[in-house]
PDB file of all heavy atoms in Angstrom:
ATOM      1  N   LEU A   1       0.792  -1.223   0.024  1.00  0.00           N
ATOM      2  CA  LEU A   1       0.004   0.022  -0.032  1.00  0.00           C
ATOM      3  C   LEU A   1       0.788   1.263   0.025  1.00  0.00           C
ATOM      4  O   LEU A   1       0.534   2.227  -0.692  1.00  0.00           O
ATOM      5  CB  LEU A   1      -0.989   0.005   1.148  1.00  0.00           C
ATOM      6  CG  LEU A   1      -2.101  -0.974   1.104  1.00  0.00           C
ATOM      7  CD1 LEU A   1      -2.890  -1.072   2.431  1.00  0.00           C
ATOM      8  CD2 LEU A   1      -2.943  -0.767  -0.097  1.00  0.00           C
ATOM      9  N   VAL A   2       1.900   1.223   0.752  1.00  0.00           N
ATOM     10  CA  VAL A   2       2.848   2.463   0.774  1.00  0.00           C
ATOM     11  C   VAL A   2       3.507   2.637  -0.600  1.00  0.00           C
ATOM     12  O   VAL A   2       3.644   3.725  -1.116  1.00  0.00           O
ATOM     13  CB  VAL A   2       3.949   2.331   1.840  1.00  0.00           C
ATOM     14  CG1 VAL A   2       4.974   3.324   1.665  1.00  0.00           C
ATOM     15  CG2 VAL A   2       3.242   2.469   3.292  1.00  0.00           C
ATOM     16  N   PHE A   3       3.922   1.498  -1.250  1.00  0.00           N
ATOM     17  CA  PHE A   3       4.507   1.536  -2.559  1.00  0.00           C
ATOM     18  C   PHE A   3       3.438   2.141  -3.564  1.00  0.00           C
ATOM     19  O   PHE A   3       3.709   2.945  -4.390  1.00  0.00           O
ATOM     20  CB  PHE A   3       4.921   0.196  -3.056  1.00  0.00           C
ATOM     21  CG  PHE A   3       5.471   0.200  -4.399  1.00  0.00           C
ATOM     22  CD1 PHE A   3       6.731   0.725  -4.682  1.00  0.00           C
ATOM     23  CD2 PHE A   3       4.761  -0.250  -5.425  1.00  0.00           C
ATOM     24  CE1 PHE A   3       7.235   0.768  -6.070  1.00  0.00           C
ATOM     25  CE2 PHE A   3       5.270  -0.286  -6.795  1.00  0.00           C
ATOM     26  CZ  PHE A   3       6.515   0.189  -7.062  1.00  0.00           C
ATOM     27  N   GLY A   4       2.193   1.655  -3.497  1.00  0.00           N
ATOM     28  CA  GLY A   4       1.100   2.141  -4.380  1.00  0.00           C
ATOM     29  C   GLY A   4       0.807   3.606  -4.200  1.00  0.00           C
ATOM     30  O   GLY A   4       0.644   4.362  -5.082  1.00  0.00           O
ATOM     31  N   MET A   5       0.890   3.968  -2.932  1.00  0.00           N
ATOM     32  CA  MET A   5       0.688   5.463  -2.572  1.00  0.00           C
ATOM     33  C   MET A   5       1.814   6.285  -3.162  1.00  0.00           C
ATOM     34  O   MET A   5       1.587   7.340  -3.815  1.00  0.00           O
ATOM     35  CB  MET A   5       0.597   5.649  -1.057  1.00  0.00           C
ATOM     36  CG  MET A   5       0.353   7.128  -0.622  1.00  0.00           C
ATOM     37  SD  MET A   5       0.327   7.334   1.153  1.00  0.00           S
ATOM     38  CE  MET A   5       1.959   6.934   1.581  1.00  0.00           C
ATOM     39  N   ALA A   6       2.990   5.880  -3.043  1.00  0.00           N
ATOM     40  CA  ALA A   6       4.091   6.606  -3.533  1.00  0.00           C
ATOM     41  C   ALA A   6       4.101   6.628  -5.048  1.00  0.00           C
ATOM     42  O   ALA A   6       4.389   7.681  -5.714  1.00  0.00           O
ATOM     43  CB  ALA A   6       5.413   6.001  -3.092  1.00  0.00           C
ATOM     44  N   LEU A   7       3.812   5.511  -5.650  1.00  0.00           N
ATOM     45  CA  LEU A   7       3.626   5.451  -7.148  1.00  0.00           C
ATOM     46  C   LEU A   7       2.550   6.457  -7.650  1.00  0.00           C
ATOM     47  O   LEU A   7       2.865   7.185  -8.579  1.00  0.00           O
ATOM     48  CB  LEU A   7       3.372   4.010  -7.552  1.00  0.00           C
ATOM     49  CG  LEU A   7       3.319   3.804  -9.108  1.00  0.00           C
ATOM     50  CD1 LEU A   7       4.669   4.021  -9.709  1.00  0.00           C
ATOM     51  CD2 LEU A   7       2.841   2.445  -9.374  1.00  0.00           C
ATOM     52  N   ALA A   8       1.433   6.453  -7.014  1.00  0.00           N
ATOM     53  CA  ALA A   8       0.399   7.368  -7.466  1.00  0.00           C
ATOM     54  C   ALA A   8       0.799   8.842  -7.199  1.00  0.00           C
ATOM     55  O   ALA A   8       0.456   9.633  -8.008  1.00  0.00           O
ATOM     56  CB  ALA A   8      -0.894   7.054  -6.657  1.00  0.00           C
ATOM     57  N   GLY A   9       1.450   9.122  -6.103  1.00  0.00           N
ATOM     58  CA  GLY A   9       1.862  10.464  -5.826  1.00  0.00           C
ATOM     59  C   GLY A   9       2.885  10.984  -6.782  1.00  0.00           C
ATOM     60  O   GLY A   9       2.798  12.113  -7.237  1.00  0.00           O
ATOM     61  N   PHE A  10       3.841  10.152  -7.200  1.00  0.00           N
ATOM     62  CA  PHE A  10       4.900  10.590  -8.131  1.00  0.00           C
ATOM     63  C   PHE A  10       4.443  10.591  -9.593  1.00  0.00           C
ATOM     64  O   PHE A  10       5.008  11.335 -10.372  1.00  0.00           O
ATOM     65  CB  PHE A  10       6.092   9.747  -8.047  1.00  0.00           C
ATOM     66  CG  PHE A  10       6.929   9.997  -6.759  1.00  0.00           C
ATOM     67  CD1 PHE A  10       7.154   9.057  -5.857  1.00  0.00           C
ATOM     68  CD2 PHE A  10       7.515  11.214  -6.669  1.00  0.00           C
ATOM     69  CE1 PHE A  10       7.935   9.305  -4.728  1.00  0.00           C
ATOM     70  CE2 PHE A  10       8.252  11.530  -5.498  1.00  0.00           C
ATOM     71  CZ  PHE A  10       8.448  10.539  -4.542  1.00  0.00           C
ATOM     72  N   THR A  11       3.396   9.946  -9.888  1.00  0.00           N
ATOM     73  CA  THR A  11       2.885   9.954 -11.304  1.00  0.00           C
ATOM     74  C   THR A  11       1.900  11.087 -11.506  1.00  0.00           C
ATOM     75  O   THR A  11       1.701  11.493 -12.676  1.00  0.00           O
ATOM     76  CB  THR A  11       2.256   8.609 -11.687  1.00  0.00           C
ATOM     77  OG1 THR A  11       1.226   8.340 -10.843  1.00  0.00           O
ATOM     78  CG2 THR A  11       3.273   7.543 -11.679  1.00  0.00           C
ATOM     79  N   VAL A  12       1.319  11.613 -10.474  1.00  0.00           N
ATOM     80  CA  VAL A  12       0.311  12.691 -10.661  1.00  0.00           C
ATOM     81  C   VAL A  12       1.053  14.002 -10.849  1.00  0.00           C
ATOM     82  O   VAL A  12       0.538  14.841 -11.647  1.00  0.00           O
ATOM     83  CB  VAL A  12      -0.589  12.756  -9.386  1.00  0.00           C
ATOM     84  CG1 VAL A  12      -1.428  14.039  -9.378  1.00  0.00           C
ATOM     85  CG2 VAL A  12      -1.519  11.521  -9.321  1.00  0.00           C
ATOM     86  N   ASN A  13       2.152  14.275 -10.253  1.00  0.00           N
ATOM     87  CA  ASN A  13       2.775  15.575 -10.377  1.00  0.00           C
ATOM     88  C   ASN A  13       3.099  15.989 -11.780  1.00  0.00           C
ATOM     89  O   ASN A  13       2.864  17.112 -12.166  1.00  0.00           O
ATOM     90  CB  ASN A  13       4.051  15.555  -9.451  1.00  0.00           C
ATOM     91  CG  ASN A  13       3.698  15.630  -8.020  1.00  0.00           C
ATOM     92  OD1 ASN A  13       2.507  15.755  -7.609  1.00  0.00           O
ATOM     93  ND2 ASN A  13       4.709  15.463  -7.176  1.00  0.00           N
ATOM     94  N   PRO A  14       3.760  15.117 -12.628  1.00  0.00           N
ATOM     95  CA  PRO A  14       4.016  15.585 -13.994  1.00  0.00           C
ATOM     96  C   PRO A  14       2.722  15.869 -14.777  1.00  0.00           C
ATOM     97  O   PRO A  14       2.759  16.713 -15.625  1.00  0.00           O
ATOM     98  CB  PRO A  14       4.798  14.374 -14.578  1.00  0.00           C
ATOM     99  CG  PRO A  14       5.211  13.534 -13.466  1.00  0.00           C
ATOM    100  CD  PRO A  14       4.306  13.818 -12.273  1.00  0.00           C
ATOM    101  N   VAL A  15       1.648  15.060 -14.506  1.00  0.00           N
ATOM    102  CA  VAL A  15       0.435  15.344 -15.261  1.00  0.00           C
ATOM    103  C   VAL A  15      -0.119  16.618 -14.880  1.00  0.00           C
ATOM    104  O   VAL A  15      -0.533  17.402 -15.772  1.00  0.00           O
ATOM    105  CB  VAL A  15      -0.575  14.124 -14.941  1.00  0.00           C
ATOM    106  CG1 VAL A  15      -1.872  14.434 -15.574  1.00  0.00           C
ATOM    107  CG2 VAL A  15      -0.036  12.824 -15.493  1.00  0.00           C
ATOM    108  N   VAL A  16      -0.208  16.984 -13.638  1.00  0.00           N
ATOM    109  CA  VAL A  16      -0.644  18.165 -13.162  1.00  0.00           C
ATOM    110  C   VAL A  16       0.159  19.365 -13.617  1.00  0.00           C
ATOM    111  O   VAL A  16      -0.400  20.454 -14.100  1.00  0.00           O
ATOM    112  CB  VAL A  16      -0.762  18.259 -11.591  1.00  0.00           C
ATOM    113  CG1 VAL A  16      -1.154  19.669 -11.070  1.00  0.00           C
ATOM    114  CG2 VAL A  16      -1.738  17.241 -11.061  1.00  0.00           C
ATOM    115  N   THR A  17       1.458  19.260 -13.633  1.00  0.00           N
ATOM    116  CA  THR A  17       2.324  20.316 -14.154  1.00  0.00           C
ATOM    117  C   THR A  17       2.147  20.517 -15.662  1.00  0.00           C
ATOM    118  O   THR A  17       2.023  21.628 -16.127  1.00  0.00           O
ATOM    119  CB  THR A  17       3.798  19.997 -13.842  1.00  0.00           C
ATOM    120  OG1 THR A  17       4.045  19.810 -12.476  1.00  0.00           O
ATOM    121  CG2 THR A  17       4.730  21.040 -14.366  1.00  0.00           C
ATOM    122  N   SER A  18       2.050  19.414 -16.390  1.00  0.00           N
ATOM    123  CA  SER A  18       1.785  19.555 -17.881  1.00  0.00           C
ATOM    124  C   SER A  18       0.431  20.238 -18.126  1.00  0.00           C
ATOM    125  O   SER A  18       0.337  21.009 -19.116  1.00  0.00           O
ATOM    126  CB  SER A  18       2.000  18.313 -18.581  1.00  0.00           C
ATOM    127  OG  SER A  18       0.925  17.363 -18.218  1.00  0.00           O
ATOM    128  N   LEU A  19      -0.565  19.867 -17.362  1.00  0.00           N
ATOM    129  CA  LEU A  19      -1.872  20.548 -17.570  1.00  0.00           C
ATOM    130  C   LEU A  19      -1.856  22.021 -17.220  1.00  0.00           C
ATOM    131  O   LEU A  19      -2.348  22.849 -18.008  1.00  0.00           O
ATOM    132  CB  LEU A  19      -2.907  19.892 -16.657  1.00  0.00           C
ATOM    133  CG  LEU A  19      -3.726  18.742 -17.167  1.00  0.00           C
ATOM    134  CD1 LEU A  19      -4.545  18.198 -16.077  1.00  0.00           C
ATOM    135  CD2 LEU A  19      -4.565  19.229 -18.347  1.00  0.00           C
ATOM    136  N   ALA A  20      -1.084  22.366 -16.126  1.00  0.00           N
ATOM    137  CA  ALA A  20      -0.986  23.788 -15.800  1.00  0.00           C
ATOM    138  C   ALA A  20      -0.182  24.561 -16.881  1.00  0.00           C
ATOM    139  O   ALA A  20      -0.544  25.625 -17.359  1.00  0.00           O
ATOM    140  CB  ALA A  20      -0.273  23.883 -14.478  1.00  0.00           C
ATOM    141  N   VAL A  21       0.893  23.987 -17.404  1.00  0.00           N
ATOM    142  CA  VAL A  21       1.721  24.641 -18.385  1.00  0.00           C
ATOM    143  C   VAL A  21       0.920  24.757 -19.738  1.00  0.00           C
ATOM    144  O   VAL A  21       1.058  25.739 -20.434  1.00  0.00           O
ATOM    145  CB  VAL A  21       2.983  23.835 -18.644  1.00  0.00           C
ATOM    146  CG1 VAL A  21       3.770  24.351 -19.867  1.00  0.00           C
ATOM    147  CG2 VAL A  21       3.896  23.973 -17.426  1.00  0.00           C
ATOM    148  N   ARG A  22       0.058  23.829 -19.994  1.00  0.00           N
ATOM    149  CA  ARG A  22      -0.711  23.871 -21.218  1.00  0.00           C
ATOM    150  C   ARG A  22      -1.635  25.022 -21.184  1.00  0.00           C
ATOM    151  O   ARG A  22      -1.963  25.660 -22.165  1.00  0.00           O
ATOM    152  CB  ARG A  22      -1.495  22.565 -21.332  1.00  0.00           C
ATOM    153  CG  ARG A  22      -2.244  22.490 -22.711  1.00  0.00           C
ATOM    154  CD  ARG A  22      -2.885  21.166 -22.897  1.00  0.00           C
ATOM    155  NE  ARG A  22      -4.210  21.121 -22.279  1.00  0.00           N
ATOM    156  CZ  ARG A  22      -4.964  20.064 -22.207  1.00  0.00           C
ATOM    157  NH1 ARG A  22      -4.485  18.917 -22.634  1.00  0.00           N
ATOM    158  NH2 ARG A  22      -6.121  20.122 -21.686  1.00  0.00           N
ATOM    159  N   PHE A  23      -2.188  25.380 -20.046  1.00  0.00           N
ATOM    160  CA  PHE A  23      -3.084  26.550 -19.888  1.00  0.00           C
ATOM    161  C   PHE A  23      -2.401  27.867 -19.536  1.00  0.00           C
ATOM    162  O   PHE A  23      -3.022  28.829 -19.285  1.00  0.00           O
ATOM    163  CB  PHE A  23      -4.212  26.180 -18.846  1.00  0.00           C
ATOM    164  CG  PHE A  23      -5.126  25.125 -19.376  1.00  0.00           C
ATOM    165  CD1 PHE A  23      -5.017  23.871 -18.921  1.00  0.00           C
ATOM    166  CD2 PHE A  23      -6.180  25.497 -20.223  1.00  0.00           C
ATOM    167  CE1 PHE A  23      -5.854  22.861 -19.374  1.00  0.00           C
ATOM    168  CE2 PHE A  23      -7.033  24.543 -20.624  1.00  0.00           C
ATOM    169  CZ  PHE A  23      -6.889  23.163 -20.200  1.00  0.00           C
ATOM    170  N   ALA A  24      -1.106  27.857 -19.428  1.00  0.00           N
ATOM    171  CA  ALA A  24      -0.320  28.951 -18.921  1.00  0.00           C
ATOM    172  C   ALA A  24      -0.255  30.093 -19.955  1.00  0.00           C
ATOM    173  O   ALA A  24      -0.032  31.196 -19.544  1.00  0.00           O
ATOM    174  CB  ALA A  24       1.102  28.563 -18.563  1.00  0.00           C
ATOM    175  N   GLY A  25      -0.326  29.792 -21.242  1.00  0.00           N
ATOM    176  CA  GLY A  25      -0.175  30.905 -22.159  1.00  0.00           C
ATOM    177  C   GLY A  25       1.261  31.193 -22.395  1.00  0.00           C
ATOM    178  O   GLY A  25       2.088  30.408 -22.765  1.00  0.00           O
ATOM    179  N   ASP A  26       1.567  32.543 -22.151  1.00  0.00           N
ATOM    180  CA  ASP A  26       2.931  33.013 -22.372  1.00  0.00           C
ATOM    181  C   ASP A  26       3.818  32.881 -21.176  1.00  0.00           C
ATOM    182  O   ASP A  26       5.031  33.376 -21.193  1.00  0.00           O
ATOM    183  CB  ASP A  26       2.896  34.501 -22.769  1.00  0.00           C
ATOM    184  CG  ASP A  26       2.180  34.689 -24.057  1.00  0.00           C
ATOM    185  OD1 ASP A  26       2.257  33.742 -24.944  1.00  0.00           O
ATOM    186  OD2 ASP A  26       1.578  35.717 -24.353  1.00  0.00           O
ATOM    187  N   ALA A  27       3.404  32.194 -20.102  1.00  0.00           N
ATOM    188  CA  ALA A  27       4.313  32.068 -18.893  1.00  0.00           C
ATOM    189  C   ALA A  27       4.441  30.685 -18.491  1.00  0.00           C
ATOM    190  O   ALA A  27       4.115  30.332 -17.320  1.00  0.00           O
ATOM    191  CB  ALA A  27       3.714  32.916 -17.789  1.00  0.00           C
ATOM    192  N   PRO A  28       4.963  29.737 -19.280  1.00  0.00           N
ATOM    193  CA  PRO A  28       5.106  28.357 -18.901  1.00  0.00           C
ATOM    194  C   PRO A  28       6.115  28.152 -17.825  1.00  0.00           C
ATOM    195  O   PRO A  28       5.915  27.273 -16.925  1.00  0.00           O
ATOM    196  CB  PRO A  28       5.459  27.623 -20.239  1.00  0.00           C
ATOM    197  CG  PRO A  28       6.062  28.637 -21.036  1.00  0.00           C
ATOM    198  CD  PRO A  28       5.388  29.983 -20.676  1.00  0.00           C
ATOM    199  N   THR A  29       7.231  28.919 -17.787  1.00  0.00           N
ATOM    200  CA  THR A  29       8.200  28.673 -16.772  1.00  0.00           C
ATOM    201  C   THR A  29       7.734  29.118 -15.369  1.00  0.00           C
ATOM    202  O   THR A  29       7.952  28.397 -14.429  1.00  0.00           O
ATOM    203  CB  THR A  29       9.466  29.552 -17.188  1.00  0.00           C
ATOM    204  OG1 THR A  29       9.879  29.249 -18.483  1.00  0.00           O
ATOM    205  CG2 THR A  29      10.608  29.273 -16.132  1.00  0.00           C
ATOM    206  N   LEU A  30       6.983  30.267 -15.352  1.00  0.00           N
ATOM    207  CA  LEU A  30       6.436  30.642 -14.071  1.00  0.00           C
ATOM    208  C   LEU A  30       5.385  29.706 -13.618  1.00  0.00           C
ATOM    209  O   LEU A  30       5.342  29.315 -12.386  1.00  0.00           O
ATOM    210  CB  LEU A  30       5.751  32.028 -14.235  1.00  0.00           C
ATOM    211  CG  LEU A  30       5.046  32.593 -13.012  1.00  0.00           C
ATOM    212  CD1 LEU A  30       6.000  32.952 -11.956  1.00  0.00           C
ATOM    213  CD2 LEU A  30       4.326  33.965 -13.387  1.00  0.00           C
ATOM    214  N   THR A  31       4.627  29.183 -14.488  1.00  0.00           N
ATOM    215  CA  THR A  31       3.555  28.192 -14.128  1.00  0.00           C
ATOM    216  C   THR A  31       4.205  26.940 -13.568  1.00  0.00           C
ATOM    217  O   THR A  31       3.643  26.333 -12.598  1.00  0.00           O
ATOM    218  CB  THR A  31       2.682  27.881 -15.365  1.00  0.00           C
ATOM    219  OG1 THR A  31       2.110  29.081 -15.790  1.00  0.00           O
ATOM    220  CG2 THR A  31       1.577  26.953 -14.937  1.00  0.00           C
ATOM    221  N   SER A  32       5.268  26.432 -14.186  1.00  0.00           N
ATOM    222  CA  SER A  32       5.922  25.268 -13.704  1.00  0.00           C
ATOM    223  C   SER A  32       6.519  25.468 -12.325  1.00  0.00           C
ATOM    224  O   SER A  32       6.427  24.671 -11.486  1.00  0.00           O
ATOM    225  CB  SER A  32       7.006  24.891 -14.715  1.00  0.00           C
ATOM    226  OG  SER A  32       7.733  23.711 -14.223  1.00  0.00           O
TER     227      SER A  32
END
């Protein structure tokens, strides 16, 4: 369960960051 929790936690961050950068417009570095 701890391994599954860590796996889920580490795989969500890149997805969230890429979604935020996609909607960032002209400021992708600031958004990241």
